[in-house]
C-alpha atoms as a PDB file:
ATOM      1  CA  MET A   1      -0.006   0.005   0.034  1.00  0.00           C
ATOM      2  CA  VAL A   2       1.205   3.443  -0.842  1.00  0.00           C
ATOM      3  CA  THR A   3       0.146   6.865   0.500  1.00  0.00           C
ATOM      4  CA  CYS A   4       1.619  10.051  -0.895  1.00  0.00           C
ATOM      5  CA  GLY A   5       0.919  13.715  -0.039  1.00  0.00           C
ATOM      6  CA  THR A   6       1.638  16.992  -1.745  1.00  0.00           C
ATOM      7  CA  TYR A   7       4.153  19.452  -0.390  1.00  0.00           C
ATOM      8  CA  LEU A   8       2.632  21.294   2.581  1.00  0.00           C
ATOM      9  CA  LYS A   9      -0.628  19.345   1.834  1.00  0.00           C
ATOM     10  CA  HIS A  10      -1.481  22.005  -0.798  1.00  0.00           C
ATOM     11  CA  PRO A  11      -4.474  21.017  -3.002  1.00  0.00           C
ATOM     12  CA  TRP A  12      -2.583  21.262  -6.350  1.00  0.00           C
ATOM     13  CA  PHE A  13      -5.012  18.849  -7.938  1.00  0.00           C
ATOM     14  CA  ARG A  14      -8.264  20.625  -6.951  1.00  0.00           C
ATOM     15  CA  GLY A  15     -10.937  20.587  -9.682  1.00  0.00           C
ATOM     16  CA  THR A  16     -12.457  17.929 -11.881  1.00  0.00           C
ATOM     17  CA  GLY A  17      -9.893  18.262 -14.646  1.00  0.00           C
ATOM     18  CA  ARG A  18      -6.882  18.024 -12.397  1.00  0.00           C
ATOM     19  CA  LEU A  19      -8.309  15.093 -10.406  1.00  0.00           C
ATOM     20  CA  ARG A  20      -9.064  13.300 -13.617  1.00  0.00           C
ATOM     21  CA  PHE A  21      -5.505  14.027 -14.810  1.00  0.00           C
ATOM     22  CA  LEU A  22      -3.927  12.678 -11.588  1.00  0.00           C
ATOM     23  CA  CYS A  23      -6.118   9.613 -11.540  1.00  0.00           C
ATOM     24  CA  ASP A  24      -5.410   8.866 -15.199  1.00  0.00           C
ATOM     25  CA  ALA A  25      -1.716   9.406 -14.671  1.00  0.00           C
ATOM     26  CA  LEU A  26      -1.688   6.990 -11.738  1.00  0.00           C
ATOM     27  CA  LEU A  27      -3.523   4.352 -13.703  1.00  0.00           C
ATOM     28  CA  SER A  28      -1.408   4.668 -16.833  1.00  0.00           C
ATOM     29  CA  MET A  29       1.921   4.742 -14.852  1.00  0.00           C
ATOM     30  CA  ALA A  30       0.907   1.708 -12.825  1.00  0.00           C
ATOM     31  CA  ALA A  31       0.110  -0.198 -16.082  1.00  0.00           C
ATOM     32  CA  LYS A  32       3.389   0.959 -17.690  1.00  0.00           C
ATOM     33  CA  HIS A  33       5.416  -0.266 -14.684  1.00  0.00           C
ATOM     34  CA  LYS A  34       3.294  -3.421 -14.458  1.00  0.00           C
ATOM     35  CA  TRP A  35       1.850  -2.698 -10.969  1.00  0.00           C
ATOM     36  CA  ASN A  36      -1.578  -4.319 -10.685  1.00  0.00           C
ATOM     37  CA  LEU A  37      -3.736  -1.766  -8.925  1.00  0.00           C
ATOM     38  CA  GLN A  38      -6.283  -3.363  -6.573  1.00  0.00           C
ATOM     39  CA  ALA A  39      -7.620  -0.105  -5.001  1.00  0.00           C
ATOM     40  CA  TRP A  40      -6.924   3.578  -5.546  1.00  0.00           C
ATOM     41  CA  ALA A  41      -8.235   6.945  -4.262  1.00  0.00           C
ATOM     42  CA  VAL A  42      -6.993  10.289  -5.578  1.00  0.00           C
ATOM     43  CA  PHE A  43      -7.626  13.682  -3.904  1.00  0.00           C
ATOM     44  CA  ALA A  44      -6.478  17.262  -4.407  1.00  0.00           C
ATOM     45  CA  ASN A  45      -3.591  16.889  -1.965  1.00  0.00           C
ATOM     46  CA  HIS A  46      -2.825  13.122  -1.595  1.00  0.00           C
ATOM     47  CA  TYR A  47      -3.525   9.690  -2.948  1.00  0.00           C
ATOM     48  CA  HIS A  48      -3.595   6.057  -1.731  1.00  0.00           C
ATOM     49  CA  PHE A  49      -3.308   2.851  -3.647  1.00  0.00           C
ATOM     50  CA  VAL A  50      -3.034  -0.858  -2.974  1.00  0.00           C
ATOM     51  CA  ALA A  51      -1.223  -2.834  -5.713  1.00  0.00           C
ATOM     52  CA  LEU A  52       0.427  -6.105  -6.497  1.00  0.00           C
ATOM     53  CA  SER A  53       4.017  -5.516  -7.422  1.00  0.00           C
ATOM     54  CA  PRO A  54       5.539  -6.963 -10.612  1.00  0.00           C
ATOM     55  CA  ARG A  55       8.475  -8.337  -8.559  1.00  0.00           C
ATOM     56  CA  GLN A  56       9.328  -7.699  -4.963  1.00  0.00           C
ATOM     57  CA  ALA A  57       8.365  -3.999  -5.160  1.00  0.00           C
ATOM     58  CA  GLU A  58      11.804  -3.339  -6.705  1.00  0.00           C
ATOM     59  CA  ASP A  59      10.689  -0.518  -9.011  1.00  0.00           C
ATOM     60  CA  LEU A  60       8.257   1.298  -6.781  1.00  0.00           C
ATOM     61  CA  SER A  61      10.529   4.330  -6.520  1.00  0.00           C
ATOM     62  CA  GLU A  62      11.007   4.394 -10.296  1.00  0.00           C
ATOM     63  CA  PHE A  63       7.262   4.191 -10.875  1.00  0.00           C
ATOM     64  CA  LEU A  64       6.473   6.958  -8.305  1.00  0.00           C
ATOM     65  CA  GLN A  65       9.305   9.153  -9.525  1.00  0.00           C
ATOM     66  CA  GLU A  66       7.932   9.090 -13.000  1.00  0.00           C
ATOM     67  CA  LEU A  67       4.370   9.679 -11.775  1.00  0.00           C
ATOM     68  CA  HIS A  68       5.452  12.563  -9.590  1.00  0.00           C
ATOM     69  CA  SER A  69       7.610  14.114 -12.244  1.00  0.00           C
ATOM     70  CA  LYS A  70       4.883  13.989 -14.917  1.00  0.00           C
ATOM     71  CA  THR A  71       2.197  15.392 -12.654  1.00  0.00           C
ATOM     72  CA  ALA A  72       4.419  18.055 -11.034  1.00  0.00           C
ATOM     73  CA  LEU A  73       5.502  19.292 -14.466  1.00  0.00           C
ATOM     74  CA  ALA A  74       1.845  19.520 -15.527  1.00  0.00           C
ATOM     75  CA  VAL A  75       0.839  21.469 -12.444  1.00  0.00           C
ATOM     76  CA  ASN A  76       3.711  23.889 -12.815  1.00  0.00           C
ATOM     77  CA  GLU A  77       2.934  24.384 -16.505  1.00  0.00           C
ATOM     78  CA  TRP A  78      -0.775  25.017 -15.789  1.00  0.00           C
ATOM     79  CA  GLU A  79       0.269  27.723 -13.291  1.00  0.00           C
ATOM     80  CA  ASN A  80       3.177  29.071 -15.378  1.00  0.00           C
ATOM     81  CA  THR A  81       5.699  28.208 -12.601  1.00  0.00           C
ATOM     82  CA  LYS A  82       8.938  26.266 -13.077  1.00  0.00           C
ATOM     83  CA  GLY A  83      10.630  23.984 -10.587  1.00  0.00           C
ATOM     84  CA  ARG A  84       8.157  24.320  -7.735  1.00  0.00           C
ATOM     85  CA  GLN A  85       7.943  21.273  -5.473  1.00  0.00           C
ATOM     86  CA  ILE A  86       4.597  19.597  -5.753  1.00  0.00           C
ATOM     87  CA  TRP A  87       4.996  16.196  -3.996  1.00  0.00           C
ATOM     88  CA  PHE A  88       6.399  15.760  -0.539  1.00  0.00           C
ATOM     89  CA  GLN A  89       6.954  12.154   0.413  1.00  0.00           C
ATOM     90  CA  TYR A  90       5.295   8.713   0.245  1.00  0.00           C
ATOM     91  CA  TRP A  91       4.782   5.963   2.734  1.00  0.00           C
ATOM     92  CA  GLU A  92       4.707   2.345   1.722  1.00  0.00           C
ATOM     93  CA  THR A  93       3.598  -0.751   3.508  1.00  0.00           C
ATOM     94  CA  GLN A  94       4.191  -4.269   2.315  1.00  0.00           C
ATOM     95  CA  LEU A  95       1.067  -6.247   3.016  1.00  0.00           C
ATOM     96  CA  THR A  96       1.792  -9.858   3.917  1.00  0.00           C
ATOM     97  CA  PHE A  97      -1.333 -10.978   5.746  1.00  0.00           C
ATOM     98  CA  GLN A  98      -4.764 -11.471   4.168  1.00  0.00           C
ATOM     99  CA  LYS A  99      -6.648  -9.546   6.894  1.00  0.00           C
ATOM    100  CA  SER A 100      -4.235  -6.622   6.584  1.00  0.00           C
ATOM    101  CA  TYR A 101      -4.628  -6.666   2.821  1.00  0.00           C
ATOM    102  CA  LEU A 102      -8.433  -6.725   2.979  1.00  0.00           C
ATOM    103  CA  ALA A 103      -8.505  -3.998   5.605  1.00  0.00           C
ATOM    104  CA  ARG A 104      -6.423  -1.668   3.433  1.00  0.00           C
ATOM    105  CA  LEU A 105      -8.421  -2.468   0.344  1.00  0.00           C
ATOM    106  CA  SER A 106     -11.470  -1.397   2.318  1.00  0.00           C
ATOM    107  CA  TYR A 107      -9.674   1.684   3.611  1.00  0.00           C
ATOM    108  CA  VAL A 108      -8.646   2.912   0.216  1.00  0.00           C
ATOM    109  CA  HIS A 109     -11.994   2.168  -1.449  1.00  0.00           C
ATOM    110  CA  ARG A 110     -13.806   3.988   1.372  1.00  0.00           C
ATOM    111  CA  ASN A 111     -11.369   6.889   1.745  1.00  0.00           C
ATOM    112  CA  ALA A 112     -13.714   9.492   0.197  1.00  0.00           C
ATOM    113  CA  VAL A 113     -16.300   8.555   2.795  1.00  0.00           C
ATOM    114  CA  HIS A 114     -13.590   8.738   5.518  1.00  0.00           C
ATOM    115  CA  HIS A 115     -12.950  12.327   4.383  1.00  0.00           C
ATOM    116  CA  LYS A 116     -16.729  13.018   4.328  1.00  0.00           C
ATOM    117  CA  LEU A 117     -16.758  13.865   0.617  1.00  0.00           C
ATOM    118  CA  VAL A 118     -19.525  11.425  -0.293  1.00  0.00           C
ATOM    119  CA  PRO A 119     -22.028   9.262   1.670  1.00  0.00           C
ATOM    120  CA  GLU A 120     -21.261   6.180  -0.477  1.00  0.00           C
ATOM    121  CA  ALA A 121     -17.796   5.289  -1.687  1.00  0.00           C
ATOM    122  CA  SER A 122     -18.887   4.417  -5.263  1.00  0.00           C
ATOM    123  CA  LEU A 123     -20.098   8.009  -5.714  1.00  0.00           C
ATOM    124  CA  TYR A 124     -16.573   9.486  -5.658  1.00  0.00           C
ATOM    125  CA  PRO A 125     -15.330   9.400  -9.297  1.00  0.00           C
ATOM    126  CA  TRP A 126     -11.598   9.366  -8.555  1.00  0.00           C
ATOM    127  CA  CYS A 127     -11.368   6.109  -6.641  1.00  0.00           C
ATOM    128  CA  SER A 128     -11.846   2.466  -7.396  1.00  0.00           C
ATOM    129  CA  ALA A 129     -14.955   1.814  -5.294  1.00  0.00           C
ATOM    130  CA  GLY A 130     -17.342   2.227  -8.218  1.00  0.00           C
ATOM    131  CA  TRP A 131     -15.155   0.079 -10.394  1.00  0.00           C
ATOM    132  CA  LEU A 132     -15.118  -2.612  -7.697  1.00  0.00           C
ATOM    133  CA  GLN A 133     -18.867  -2.379  -7.233  1.00  0.00           C
ATOM    134  CA  ARG A 134     -19.494  -2.881 -11.025  1.00  0.00           C
ATOM    135  CA  ARG A 135     -16.965  -5.709 -11.525  1.00  0.00           C
ATOM    136  CA  ALA A 136     -16.661  -7.781  -8.375  1.00  0.00           C
ATOM    137  CA  PRO A 137     -19.174 -10.314  -7.169  1.00  0.00           C
ATOM    138  CA  THR A 138     -21.657  -8.573  -4.883  1.00  0.00           C
ATOM    139  CA  SER A 139     -20.668 -10.743  -1.889  1.00  0.00           C
ATOM    140  CA  PHE A 140     -16.992  -9.710  -2.282  1.00  0.00           C
ATOM    141  CA  TYR A 141     -17.835  -6.046  -2.670  1.00  0.00           C
ATOM    142  CA  LYS A 142     -19.998  -6.125   0.448  1.00  0.00           C
ATOM    143  CA  THR A 143     -17.298  -7.985   2.437  1.00  0.00           C
ATOM    144  CA  ILE A 144     -14.641  -5.420   1.472  1.00  0.00           C
ATOM    145  CA  MET A 145     -16.901  -2.438   2.251  1.00  0.00           C
ATOM    146  CA  ARG A 146     -17.807  -3.844   5.704  1.00  0.00           C
ATOM    147  CA  PHE A 147     -14.268  -4.748   6.602  1.00  0.00           C
ATOM    148  CA  GLY A 148     -12.952  -3.106   9.726  1.00  0.00           C
ATOM    149  CA  ILE A 149     -10.430  -0.368   9.081  1.00  0.00           C
ATOM    150  CA  GLU A 150     -10.118   1.091  12.649  1.00  0.00           C
ATOM    151  CA  ARG A 151      -6.748  -0.482  13.283  1.00  0.00           C
ATOM    152  CA  THR A 152      -5.038   0.378   9.985  1.00  0.00           C
ATOM    153  CA  LYS A 153      -2.176   2.748  10.598  1.00  0.00           C
ATOM    154  CA  THR A 154      -2.307   4.770   7.458  1.00  0.00           C
ATOM    155  CA  PRO A 155      -0.927   8.339   7.329  1.00  0.00           C
ATOM    156  CA  ASP A 156      -4.024  10.329   6.361  1.00  0.00           C
ATOM    157  CA  ASP A 157      -4.312  13.601   8.178  1.00  0.00           C
ATOM    158  CA  PHE A 158      -5.189  15.436   4.998  1.00  0.00           C
ATOM    159  CA  GLU A 159      -8.062  17.905   4.846  1.00  0.00           C
ATOM    160  CA  VAL A 160      -9.885  17.620   1.545  1.00  0.00           C
ATOM    161  CA  ALA A 161     -12.884  19.295   0.008  1.00  0.00           C
ATOM    162  CA  TRP A 162     -14.775  18.251  -3.133  1.00  0.00           C
ATOM    163  CA  SER A 163     -18.139  18.736  -4.660  1.00  0.00           C
ATOM    164  CA  PRO A 164     -19.550  17.438  -8.006  1.00  0.00           C
ATOM    165  CA  GLU A 165     -19.806  21.020  -9.186  1.00  0.00           C
ATOM    166  CA  THR A 166     -16.254  22.159  -8.398  1.00  0.00           C
ATOM    167  CA  GLY A 167     -14.256  18.977  -8.213  1.00  0.00           C
END
């Protein structure tokens, strides 16, 4: 599992277009680097994902460096600024136990609800909850969405705001 925040938790990706860009960049870079995303949630100032690594997570830093470089360059171009720091740091956790894996899947899928952006996880367009709801067996979806996340130790002290009108 990976969590990454923007520098000073600034909402560089606020707005529908920017959230879509970041989400698309995450999905395309993961595919390029052969990381099999299991869950993802993208916000104006941070993101989370759970993925299966192509090897033993050997190229995570390469994958994230490319993702962060591409997205930072875009933000700075949109705002006519060069060289400004956009991303701060990321935290990674290797999941080795099934319960830990399922709890973090639930946490990431439900993160927009955790941040009080939507009442139902599948309503947030920049996360995988809707994708999971449409593609997974109903029983699996319900199990994941009910799974306890209280004990997951995930860095997530980000304040986020979103509405369908403003992104």
